[in-house]
Amino acid sequence: MEYIPDYLKPFIIHKDYFPELIEDSWFNNPVYWKGRLISPQNETKFKLYFCGELIDNSIVGKQTSPLAIYADSVHSGERITLFDERYNGYEALLIEDNREHPLSPEIQFVDKDAETEFEIIILGCSSTDFDDEYPATEQVRLINGDWVNKEYLKCNAFDFISILIRNAKGRIYKVLEMELSYLNRL
């Protein structure tokens, strides 16, 4: 079973992956959940916006503010949150409450080919076995005080996320690759 984060489920399809990635063993690792981004209007072209920094065609967080990445549909303009470090992933749910931390100013992503419209694939995983981590309980308390079941954690407390884009020239770039669990950074 793939544990796709709840906030992404309405915007992920499991087909039409970039053909260039199908043979890639890294992309096909069964530990990852993955999907192609699609809007509710079935649109697959997006502009990327982020609150963070751009270093060598990669989006990274700032030490002074959380990272957030959004995709705006090219035609409808609908915004989809791809990742917001204040709310998404293992650390935001179980380690540190960053909900009150302000984001840095938003920047439109322009790739190294000067392109601004992309198809997007997002993937991630959790290396935590929540049944082992919390063997004696069905409910787990989040950092914000809410109680959730372990199935919620399996979907939403991911500790790795990656975003791949394909521009109009057919070039694929990995624009985000991030470990989210403090324990994985030690």
N, C-alpha and C. Protein backbone atom coordinates (compact mmCIF):
# COMPACT_ATOMS: atom_id res chain seq x y z
N MET A 1 0.84 -1.19 0.00
CA MET A 1 0.00 0.00 0.00
C MET A 1 0.88 1.25 0.00
N GLU A 2 0.57 2.18 -0.88
CA GLU A 2 1.29 3.45 -0.90
C GLU A 2 0.63 4.42 0.07
N TYR A 3 1.45 5.02 0.90
CA TYR A 3 0.95 5.97 1.89
C TYR A 3 1.18 7.39 1.41
N ILE A 4 0.34 7.86 0.53
CA ILE A 4 0.44 9.22 0.00
C ILE A 4 -0.14 10.18 1.03
N PRO A 5 0.52 11.30 1.29
CA PRO A 5 0.00 12.27 2.25
C PRO A 5 -1.42 12.71 1.89
N ASP A 6 -2.25 12.83 2.92
CA ASP A 6 -3.66 13.19 2.71
C ASP A 6 -3.83 14.47 1.90
N TYR A 7 -3.00 15.46 2.17
CA TYR A 7 -3.17 16.75 1.49
C TYR A 7 -2.85 16.68 0.00
N LEU A 8 -2.11 15.64 -0.43
CA LEU A 8 -1.76 15.49 -1.85
C LEU A 8 -2.67 14.52 -2.61
N LYS A 9 -3.39 13.66 -1.90
CA LYS A 9 -4.18 12.62 -2.57
C LYS A 9 -5.10 13.13 -3.68
N PRO A 10 -5.79 14.26 -3.51
CA PRO A 10 -6.67 14.72 -4.60
C PRO A 10 -5.92 15.20 -5.85
N PHE A 11 -4.61 15.37 -5.74
CA PHE A 11 -3.84 15.98 -6.83
C PHE A 11 -2.79 15.04 -7.43
N ILE A 12 -2.87 13.76 -7.13
CA ILE A 12 -1.86 12.80 -7.57
C ILE A 12 -2.51 11.74 -8.45
N ILE A 13 -1.89 11.46 -9.59
CA ILE A 13 -2.29 10.31 -10.40
C ILE A 13 -1.07 9.39 -10.53
N HIS A 14 -1.35 8.12 -10.70
CA HIS A 14 -0.28 7.12 -10.77
C HIS A 14 -0.12 6.59 -12.18
N LYS A 15 0.00 7.49 -13.12
CA LYS A 15 0.23 7.10 -14.50
C LYS A 15 0.87 8.27 -15.23
N ASP A 16 1.27 8.03 -16.44
CA ASP A 16 1.88 9.08 -17.26
C ASP A 16 3.14 9.67 -16.62
N TYR A 17 3.92 8.80 -15.94
CA TYR A 17 5.20 9.27 -15.43
C TYR A 17 6.08 9.66 -16.61
N PHE A 18 7.06 10.46 -16.38
CA PHE A 18 7.97 10.84 -17.44
C PHE A 18 8.66 9.58 -17.96
N PRO A 19 8.55 9.28 -19.24
CA PRO A 19 9.13 8.05 -19.78
C PRO A 19 10.62 7.91 -19.48
N GLU A 20 11.30 9.02 -19.38
CA GLU A 20 12.74 8.99 -19.11
C GLU A 20 13.06 8.40 -17.73
N LEU A 21 12.08 8.39 -16.82
CA LEU A 21 12.31 7.91 -15.46
C LEU A 21 11.93 6.45 -15.25
N ILE A 22 11.16 5.89 -16.15
CA ILE A 22 10.60 4.56 -15.94
C ILE A 22 11.69 3.51 -15.70
N GLU A 23 12.80 3.61 -16.38
CA GLU A 23 13.87 2.62 -16.22
C GLU A 23 14.84 2.95 -15.09
N ASP A 24 14.68 4.09 -14.46
CA ASP A 24 15.59 4.54 -13.41
C ASP A 24 15.32 3.76 -12.12
N SER A 25 16.31 3.04 -11.62
CA SER A 25 16.12 2.23 -10.41
C SER A 25 15.82 3.11 -9.20
N TRP A 26 16.40 4.31 -9.14
CA TRP A 26 16.12 5.21 -8.03
C TRP A 26 14.64 5.58 -8.02
N PHE A 27 14.10 5.93 -9.18
CA PHE A 27 12.70 6.34 -9.28
C PHE A 27 11.76 5.17 -8.96
N ASN A 28 12.14 3.97 -9.30
CA ASN A 28 11.29 2.80 -9.12
C ASN A 28 11.48 2.10 -7.79
N ASN A 29 12.22 2.68 -6.88
CA ASN A 29 12.41 2.10 -5.56
C ASN A 29 11.03 1.94 -4.90
N PRO A 30 10.66 0.73 -4.49
CA PRO A 30 9.31 0.50 -3.95
C PRO A 30 9.05 1.18 -2.60
N VAL A 31 10.08 1.69 -1.96
CA VAL A 31 9.89 2.35 -0.68
C VAL A 31 9.21 3.71 -0.83
N TYR A 32 9.28 4.29 -2.02
CA TYR A 32 8.72 5.62 -2.25
C TYR A 32 7.24 5.57 -2.60
N TRP A 33 6.47 6.56 -2.12
CA TRP A 33 5.18 6.86 -2.74
C TRP A 33 5.50 7.89 -3.81
N LYS A 34 4.76 7.85 -4.87
CA LYS A 34 5.04 8.81 -5.95
C LYS A 34 3.78 9.04 -6.76
N GLY A 35 3.76 10.16 -7.43
CA GLY A 35 2.64 10.46 -8.30
C GLY A 35 2.90 11.69 -9.14
N ARG A 36 2.15 11.78 -10.19
CA ARG A 36 2.23 12.94 -11.08
C ARG A 36 1.16 13.93 -10.64
N LEU A 37 1.52 15.20 -10.61
CA LEU A 37 0.59 16.23 -10.16
C LEU A 37 -0.43 16.53 -11.25
N ILE A 38 -1.69 16.64 -10.82
CA ILE A 38 -2.79 16.98 -11.73
C ILE A 38 -3.78 17.86 -10.95
N SER A 39 -4.29 18.88 -11.60
CA SER A 39 -5.25 19.77 -10.94
C SER A 39 -6.64 19.13 -10.98
N PRO A 40 -7.59 19.64 -10.20
CA PRO A 40 -8.96 19.12 -10.27
C PRO A 40 -9.59 19.27 -11.66
N GLN A 41 -9.05 20.18 -12.47
CA GLN A 41 -9.53 20.36 -13.85
C GLN A 41 -8.72 19.52 -14.83
N ASN A 42 -7.96 18.54 -14.31
CA ASN A 42 -7.13 17.64 -15.11
C ASN A 42 -6.00 18.35 -15.85
N GLU A 43 -5.51 19.43 -15.31
CA GLU A 43 -4.38 20.15 -15.90
C GLU A 43 -3.07 19.58 -15.37
N THR A 44 -2.06 19.53 -16.22
CA THR A 44 -0.77 18.99 -15.81
C THR A 44 0.39 19.95 -15.99
N LYS A 45 0.12 21.18 -16.34
CA LYS A 45 1.17 22.21 -16.48
C LYS A 45 1.02 23.21 -15.33
N PHE A 46 2.15 23.46 -14.67
CA PHE A 46 2.12 24.31 -13.48
C PHE A 46 3.29 25.28 -13.48
N LYS A 47 3.08 26.38 -12.76
CA LYS A 47 4.17 27.29 -12.41
C LYS A 47 4.48 27.00 -10.95
N LEU A 48 5.76 27.04 -10.61
CA LEU A 48 6.19 26.77 -9.24
C LEU A 48 6.52 28.07 -8.53
N TYR A 49 6.12 28.14 -7.28
CA TYR A 49 6.45 29.26 -6.40
C TYR A 49 6.98 28.68 -5.11
N PHE A 50 7.89 29.38 -4.48
CA PHE A 50 8.45 28.85 -3.24
C PHE A 50 8.84 29.98 -2.30
N CYS A 51 8.90 29.65 -1.03
CA CYS A 51 9.43 30.52 0.01
C CYS A 51 10.68 29.82 0.52
N GLY A 52 11.82 30.30 0.13
CA GLY A 52 13.09 29.67 0.44
C GLY A 52 14.16 30.30 -0.41
N GLU A 53 15.14 29.49 -0.84
CA GLU A 53 16.23 29.98 -1.68
C GLU A 53 16.39 29.05 -2.87
N LEU A 54 16.95 29.58 -3.94
CA LEU A 54 17.28 28.78 -5.12
C LEU A 54 18.81 28.72 -5.23
N ILE A 55 19.34 27.49 -5.15
CA ILE A 55 20.78 27.29 -5.25
C ILE A 55 21.02 26.21 -6.30
N ASP A 56 21.69 26.56 -7.38
CA ASP A 56 22.01 25.61 -8.46
C ASP A 56 20.78 24.86 -8.96
N ASN A 57 19.71 25.57 -9.24
CA ASN A 57 18.46 25.00 -9.78
C ASN A 57 17.72 24.12 -8.77
N SER A 58 18.09 24.20 -7.49
CA SER A 58 17.42 23.44 -6.44
C SER A 58 16.82 24.39 -5.41
N ILE A 59 15.62 24.05 -4.97
CA ILE A 59 14.95 24.83 -3.95
C ILE A 59 15.39 24.30 -2.59
N VAL A 60 15.82 25.21 -1.72
CA VAL A 60 16.26 24.84 -0.38
C VAL A 60 15.63 25.81 0.62
N GLY A 61 15.54 25.36 1.85
CA GLY A 61 15.01 26.21 2.91
C GLY A 61 16.05 27.18 3.42
N LYS A 62 15.56 28.22 4.05
CA LYS A 62 16.43 29.18 4.72
C LYS A 62 16.53 28.79 6.18
N GLN A 63 17.63 29.13 6.82
CA GLN A 63 17.76 28.82 8.24
C GLN A 63 16.82 29.66 9.08
N THR A 64 16.39 30.80 8.57
CA THR A 64 15.58 31.73 9.36
C THR A 64 14.08 31.57 9.14
N SER A 65 13.66 30.74 8.18
CA SER A 65 12.23 30.59 7.92
C SER A 65 11.95 29.23 7.27
N PRO A 66 10.74 28.70 7.48
CA PRO A 66 10.38 27.40 6.91
C PRO A 66 10.28 27.45 5.38
N LEU A 67 10.47 26.30 4.77
CA LEU A 67 10.35 26.15 3.32
C LEU A 67 8.91 25.84 2.95
N ALA A 68 8.43 26.45 1.89
CA ALA A 68 7.10 26.14 1.34
C ALA A 68 7.20 26.17 -0.18
N ILE A 69 6.51 25.21 -0.84
CA ILE A 69 6.53 25.12 -2.30
C ILE A 69 5.10 24.92 -2.79
N TYR A 70 4.72 25.71 -3.78
CA TYR A 70 3.36 25.68 -4.33
C TYR A 70 3.42 25.50 -5.84
N ALA A 71 2.38 24.89 -6.38
CA ALA A 71 2.23 24.76 -7.83
C ALA A 71 0.93 25.45 -8.20
N ASP A 72 1.00 26.38 -9.13
CA ASP A 72 -0.18 27.07 -9.63
C ASP A 72 -0.47 26.55 -11.03
N SER A 73 -1.69 26.08 -11.24
CA SER A 73 -2.08 25.60 -12.57
C SER A 73 -1.94 26.73 -13.58
N VAL A 74 -1.34 26.42 -14.74
CA VAL A 74 -1.10 27.44 -15.75
C VAL A 74 -2.40 28.06 -16.25
N HIS A 75 -3.44 27.24 -16.44
CA HIS A 75 -4.68 27.76 -17.03
C HIS A 75 -5.68 28.27 -15.99
N SER A 76 -5.94 27.50 -14.96
CA SER A 76 -6.96 27.92 -13.99
C SER A 76 -6.38 28.78 -12.87
N GLY A 77 -5.07 28.70 -12.65
CA GLY A 77 -4.45 29.46 -11.58
C GLY A 77 -4.62 28.84 -10.20
N GLU A 78 -5.29 27.69 -10.13
CA GLU A 78 -5.50 27.05 -8.83
C GLU A 78 -4.17 26.68 -8.20
N ARG A 79 -4.05 26.96 -6.91
CA ARG A 79 -2.81 26.71 -6.17
C ARG A 79 -2.92 25.39 -5.41
N ILE A 80 -1.84 24.59 -5.53
CA ILE A 80 -1.72 23.33 -4.81
C ILE A 80 -0.46 23.42 -3.96
N THR A 81 -0.59 23.16 -2.68
CA THR A 81 0.58 23.12 -1.81
C THR A 81 1.30 21.79 -2.02
N LEU A 82 2.55 21.84 -2.45
CA LEU A 82 3.35 20.64 -2.62
C LEU A 82 4.04 20.27 -1.32
N PHE A 83 4.49 21.29 -0.60
CA PHE A 83 5.15 21.05 0.68
C PHE A 83 5.20 22.35 1.45
N ASP A 84 4.86 22.28 2.73
CA ASP A 84 4.99 23.42 3.64
C ASP A 84 5.61 22.87 4.92
N GLU A 85 6.83 23.23 5.15
CA GLU A 85 7.60 22.69 6.27
C GLU A 85 6.95 22.94 7.63
N ARG A 86 6.06 23.92 7.71
CA ARG A 86 5.36 24.20 8.97
C ARG A 86 4.32 23.14 9.29
N TYR A 87 3.78 22.45 8.26
CA TYR A 87 2.64 21.55 8.46
C TYR A 87 2.86 20.13 7.95
N ASN A 88 3.78 19.93 7.02
CA ASN A 88 3.88 18.64 6.34
C ASN A 88 5.12 17.87 6.75
N GLY A 89 4.96 16.57 6.95
CA GLY A 89 6.08 15.69 7.21
C GLY A 89 6.30 15.37 8.67
N TYR A 90 7.25 14.47 8.89
CA TYR A 90 7.56 13.92 10.20
C TYR A 90 7.87 15.00 11.23
N GLU A 91 8.80 15.86 10.89
CA GLU A 91 9.24 16.87 11.86
C GLU A 91 8.12 17.82 12.24
N ALA A 92 7.32 18.28 11.27
CA ALA A 92 6.23 19.22 11.55
C ALA A 92 5.14 18.57 12.40
N LEU A 93 4.93 17.27 12.24
CA LEU A 93 3.87 16.59 12.98
C LEU A 93 4.31 16.10 14.35
N LEU A 94 5.58 15.69 14.48
CA LEU A 94 5.99 15.00 15.71
C LEU A 94 7.15 15.64 16.48
N ILE A 95 7.91 16.54 15.88
CA ILE A 95 9.12 17.03 16.53
C ILE A 95 9.04 18.50 16.94
N GLU A 96 8.76 19.39 15.99
CA GLU A 96 8.85 20.82 16.27
C GLU A 96 7.66 21.56 15.67
N ASP A 97 7.00 22.35 16.50
CA ASP A 97 5.84 23.14 16.05
C ASP A 97 6.33 24.45 15.45
N ASN A 98 6.24 24.53 14.12
CA ASN A 98 6.69 25.74 13.40
C ASN A 98 5.52 26.51 12.79
N ARG A 99 4.31 26.20 13.21
CA ARG A 99 3.13 26.81 12.57
C ARG A 99 3.13 28.33 12.66
N GLU A 100 3.72 28.88 13.68
CA GLU A 100 3.69 30.33 13.86
C GLU A 100 4.87 31.04 13.19
N HIS A 101 5.82 30.28 12.68
CA HIS A 101 6.98 30.91 12.03
C HIS A 101 6.59 31.48 10.67
N PRO A 102 6.96 32.72 10.40
CA PRO A 102 6.60 33.33 9.11
C PRO A 102 7.46 32.78 7.97
N LEU A 103 6.86 32.75 6.80
CA LEU A 103 7.57 32.35 5.59
C LEU A 103 8.36 33.54 5.05
N SER A 104 9.41 33.25 4.30
CA SER A 104 10.13 34.30 3.59
C SER A 104 9.30 34.71 2.38
N PRO A 105 9.64 35.82 1.73
CA PRO A 105 8.87 36.25 0.55
C PRO A 105 8.82 35.17 -0.53
N GLU A 106 7.70 35.11 -1.23
CA GLU A 106 7.49 34.11 -2.28
C GLU A 106 8.25 34.48 -3.55
N ILE A 107 8.82 33.46 -4.19
CA ILE A 107 9.62 33.63 -5.41
C ILE A 107 9.08 32.67 -6.47
N GLN A 108 8.97 33.12 -7.71
CA GLN A 108 8.60 32.21 -8.79
C GLN A 108 9.85 31.44 -9.22
N PHE A 109 9.68 30.12 -9.39
CA PHE A 109 10.79 29.28 -9.83
C PHE A 109 10.99 29.41 -11.33
N VAL A 110 12.23 29.69 -11.70
CA VAL A 110 12.65 29.72 -13.10
C VAL A 110 13.83 28.75 -13.20
N ASP A 111 13.71 27.73 -14.06
CA ASP A 111 14.79 26.74 -14.12
C ASP A 111 15.99 27.28 -14.89
N LYS A 112 17.04 26.46 -14.95
CA LYS A 112 18.27 26.95 -15.59
C LYS A 112 18.14 27.07 -17.10
N ASP A 113 17.02 26.62 -17.69
CA ASP A 113 16.73 26.84 -19.10
C ASP A 113 15.84 28.06 -19.30
N ALA A 114 15.61 28.82 -18.23
CA ALA A 114 14.74 30.01 -18.23
C ALA A 114 13.28 29.65 -18.49
N GLU A 115 12.88 28.43 -18.14
CA GLU A 115 11.49 27.98 -18.29
C GLU A 115 10.73 28.22 -16.99
N THR A 116 9.41 28.47 -17.12
CA THR A 116 8.58 28.72 -15.94
C THR A 116 7.35 27.83 -15.84
N GLU A 117 7.12 26.96 -16.83
CA GLU A 117 5.97 26.06 -16.80
C GLU A 117 6.48 24.63 -16.84
N PHE A 118 5.88 23.79 -15.95
CA PHE A 118 6.42 22.45 -15.76
C PHE A 118 5.34 21.41 -15.54
N GLU A 119 5.68 20.17 -15.89
CA GLU A 119 4.97 19.00 -15.40
C GLU A 119 5.72 18.59 -14.14
N ILE A 120 4.99 18.03 -13.16
CA ILE A 120 5.60 17.78 -11.85
C ILE A 120 5.34 16.36 -11.38
N ILE A 121 6.39 15.73 -10.86
CA ILE A 121 6.26 14.46 -10.15
C ILE A 121 6.78 14.70 -8.75
N ILE A 122 6.05 14.17 -7.78
CA ILE A 122 6.44 14.32 -6.38
C ILE A 122 6.54 12.92 -5.78
N LEU A 123 7.57 12.71 -4.98
CA LEU A 123 7.71 11.41 -4.34
C LEU A 123 8.30 11.57 -2.96
N GLY A 124 8.11 10.56 -2.14
CA GLY A 124 8.62 10.61 -0.78
C GLY A 124 8.50 9.26 -0.11
N CYS A 125 8.90 9.23 1.16
CA CYS A 125 8.79 8.00 1.93
C CYS A 125 8.96 8.30 3.41
N SER A 126 8.65 7.30 4.20
CA SER A 126 8.92 7.36 5.63
C SER A 126 9.76 6.16 6.00
N SER A 127 10.82 6.39 6.72
CA SER A 127 11.67 5.29 7.17
C SER A 127 11.27 4.81 8.56
N THR A 128 10.23 5.38 9.13
CA THR A 128 9.79 5.04 10.47
C THR A 128 8.75 3.94 10.43
N ASP A 129 8.93 2.92 11.23
CA ASP A 129 7.92 1.88 11.41
C ASP A 129 7.07 2.30 12.61
N PHE A 130 5.94 2.91 12.35
CA PHE A 130 5.12 3.46 13.43
C PHE A 130 4.51 2.38 14.31
N ASP A 131 4.33 1.16 13.79
CA ASP A 131 3.86 0.06 14.63
C ASP A 131 4.93 -0.33 15.65
N ASP A 132 6.21 -0.28 15.26
CA ASP A 132 7.31 -0.54 16.19
C ASP A 132 7.52 0.64 17.14
N GLU A 133 7.42 1.85 16.60
CA GLU A 133 7.66 3.06 17.37
C GLU A 133 6.62 3.25 18.49
N TYR A 134 5.38 2.89 18.21
CA TYR A 134 4.28 3.05 19.17
C TYR A 134 3.52 1.72 19.29
N PRO A 135 4.16 0.67 19.86
CA PRO A 135 3.54 -0.65 19.87
C PRO A 135 2.33 -0.79 20.79
N ALA A 136 2.27 -0.02 21.85
CA ALA A 136 1.23 -0.22 22.86
C ALA A 136 0.03 0.72 22.71
N THR A 137 -0.03 1.46 21.61
CA THR A 137 -1.11 2.43 21.47
C THR A 137 -1.62 2.49 20.04
N GLU A 138 -2.88 2.81 19.91
CA GLU A 138 -3.46 3.01 18.58
C GLU A 138 -3.45 4.49 18.20
N GLN A 139 -3.49 5.37 19.20
CA GLN A 139 -3.52 6.81 18.97
C GLN A 139 -2.18 7.43 19.39
N VAL A 140 -1.73 8.39 18.62
CA VAL A 140 -0.46 9.07 18.88
C VAL A 140 -0.74 10.58 18.93
N ARG A 141 -0.13 11.23 19.90
CA ARG A 141 -0.32 12.67 20.05
C ARG A 141 0.70 13.43 19.20
N LEU A 142 0.19 14.33 18.35
CA LEU A 142 1.05 15.17 17.52
C LEU A 142 1.61 16.31 18.34
N ILE A 143 2.60 17.00 17.79
CA ILE A 143 3.23 18.13 18.47
C ILE A 143 2.23 19.26 18.74
N ASN A 144 1.18 19.36 17.91
CA ASN A 144 0.17 20.41 18.11
C ASN A 144 -0.91 20.02 19.10
N GLY A 145 -0.82 18.81 19.66
CA GLY A 145 -1.77 18.36 20.66
C GLY A 145 -2.88 17.46 20.13
N ASP A 146 -3.06 17.39 18.82
CA ASP A 146 -4.08 16.52 18.22
C ASP A 146 -3.68 15.06 18.38
N TRP A 147 -4.69 14.20 18.47
CA TRP A 147 -4.48 12.76 18.51
C TRP A 147 -4.85 12.16 17.16
N VAL A 148 -4.00 11.27 16.64
CA VAL A 148 -4.24 10.62 15.35
C VAL A 148 -3.90 9.14 15.47
N ASN A 149 -4.43 8.35 14.54
CA ASN A 149 -4.07 6.93 14.53
C ASN A 149 -2.77 6.72 13.74
N LYS A 150 -2.24 5.52 13.84
CA LYS A 150 -0.96 5.23 13.18
C LYS A 150 -1.09 5.24 11.66
N GLU A 151 -2.25 4.94 11.13
CA GLU A 151 -2.44 5.01 9.67
C GLU A 151 -2.26 6.45 9.18
N TYR A 152 -2.73 7.41 9.96
CA TYR A 152 -2.52 8.82 9.62
C TYR A 152 -1.02 9.13 9.56
N LEU A 153 -0.27 8.65 10.54
CA LEU A 153 1.18 8.88 10.54
C LEU A 153 1.85 8.22 9.35
N LYS A 154 1.43 7.01 9.00
CA LYS A 154 2.03 6.31 7.87
C LYS A 154 1.86 7.10 6.57
N CYS A 155 0.77 7.83 6.46
CA CYS A 155 0.53 8.66 5.27
C CYS A 155 1.21 10.02 5.34
N ASN A 156 1.18 10.63 6.48
CA ASN A 156 1.52 12.05 6.58
C ASN A 156 2.84 12.39 7.26
N ALA A 157 3.42 11.47 8.01
CA ALA A 157 4.67 11.76 8.72
C ALA A 157 5.86 11.25 7.90
N PHE A 158 5.89 11.63 6.62
CA PHE A 158 6.99 11.24 5.75
C PHE A 158 8.26 11.98 6.16
N ASP A 159 9.40 11.34 5.94
CA ASP A 159 10.66 11.97 6.33
C ASP A 159 11.60 12.23 5.16
N PHE A 160 11.10 12.03 3.95
CA PHE A 160 11.87 12.35 2.75
C PHE A 160 10.88 12.81 1.68
N ILE A 161 11.25 13.86 0.95
CA ILE A 161 10.41 14.33 -0.15
C ILE A 161 11.32 14.80 -1.28
N SER A 162 10.86 14.55 -2.50
CA SER A 162 11.58 14.99 -3.68
C SER A 162 10.58 15.49 -4.71
N ILE A 163 10.94 16.52 -5.44
CA ILE A 163 10.09 17.06 -6.51
C ILE A 163 10.92 17.09 -7.79
N LEU A 164 10.36 16.48 -8.84
CA LEU A 164 10.98 16.46 -10.17
C LEU A 164 10.09 17.26 -11.11
N ILE A 165 10.72 17.98 -12.02
CA ILE A 165 9.97 18.75 -13.01
C ILE A 165 10.45 18.39 -14.41
N ARG A 166 9.56 18.57 -15.38
CA ARG A 166 9.95 18.48 -16.79
C ARG A 166 9.48 19.76 -17.45
N ASN A 167 10.41 20.46 -18.10
CA ASN A 167 10.05 21.73 -18.73
C ASN A 167 9.61 21.51 -20.18
N ALA A 168 9.27 22.58 -20.87
CA ALA A 168 8.77 22.50 -22.25
C ALA A 168 9.82 21.96 -23.22
N LYS A 169 11.09 22.03 -22.85
CA LYS A 169 12.16 21.50 -23.68
C LYS A 169 12.38 20.00 -23.45
N GLY A 170 11.60 19.42 -22.52
CA GLY A 170 11.71 18.00 -22.23
C GLY A 170 12.80 17.66 -21.23
N ARG A 171 13.43 18.66 -20.65
CA ARG A 171 14.49 18.41 -19.68
C ARG A 171 13.88 18.19 -18.29
N ILE A 172 14.41 17.19 -17.60
CA ILE A 172 13.94 16.85 -16.26
C ILE A 172 14.98 17.30 -15.25
N TYR A 173 14.48 17.96 -14.20
CA TYR A 173 15.34 18.42 -13.12
C TYR A 173 14.74 18.01 -11.78
N LYS A 174 15.61 17.64 -10.86
CA LYS A 174 15.21 17.42 -9.48
C LYS A 174 15.37 18.76 -8.78
N VAL A 175 14.26 19.37 -8.38
CA VAL A 175 14.33 20.71 -7.79
C VAL A 175 14.27 20.69 -6.26
N LEU A 176 13.88 19.54 -5.71
CA LEU A 176 13.87 19.41 -4.24
C LEU A 176 14.22 17.97 -3.89
N GLU A 177 15.09 17.83 -2.94
CA GLU A 177 15.39 16.54 -2.32
C GLU A 177 15.72 16.85 -0.88
N MET A 178 14.84 16.41 0.03
CA MET A 178 14.96 16.90 1.40
C MET A 178 14.64 15.81 2.41
N GLU A 179 15.53 15.66 3.39
CA GLU A 179 15.28 14.82 4.56
C GLU A 179 14.52 15.68 5.56
N LEU A 180 13.44 15.13 6.12
CA LEU A 180 12.59 15.93 7.00
C LEU A 180 12.68 15.56 8.46
N SER A 181 13.21 14.43 8.78
CA SER A 181 13.28 14.00 10.16
C SER A 181 14.61 14.42 10.77
N TYR A 182 14.52 15.02 11.91
CA TYR A 182 15.73 15.44 12.61
C TYR A 182 16.66 14.24 12.82
N LEU A 183 16.08 13.07 13.13
CA LEU A 183 16.88 11.88 13.39
C LEU A 183 17.66 11.45 12.15
N ASN A 184 17.09 11.68 10.96
CA ASN A 184 17.78 11.30 9.73
C ASN A 184 18.93 12.24 9.40
N ARG A 185 18.98 13.40 10.03
CA ARG A 185 20.04 14.37 9.75
C ARG A 185 21.25 14.17 10.67
N LEU A 186 21.10 13.35 11.70
CA LEU A 186 22.20 13.14 12.66
C LEU A 186 23.30 12.29 12.07
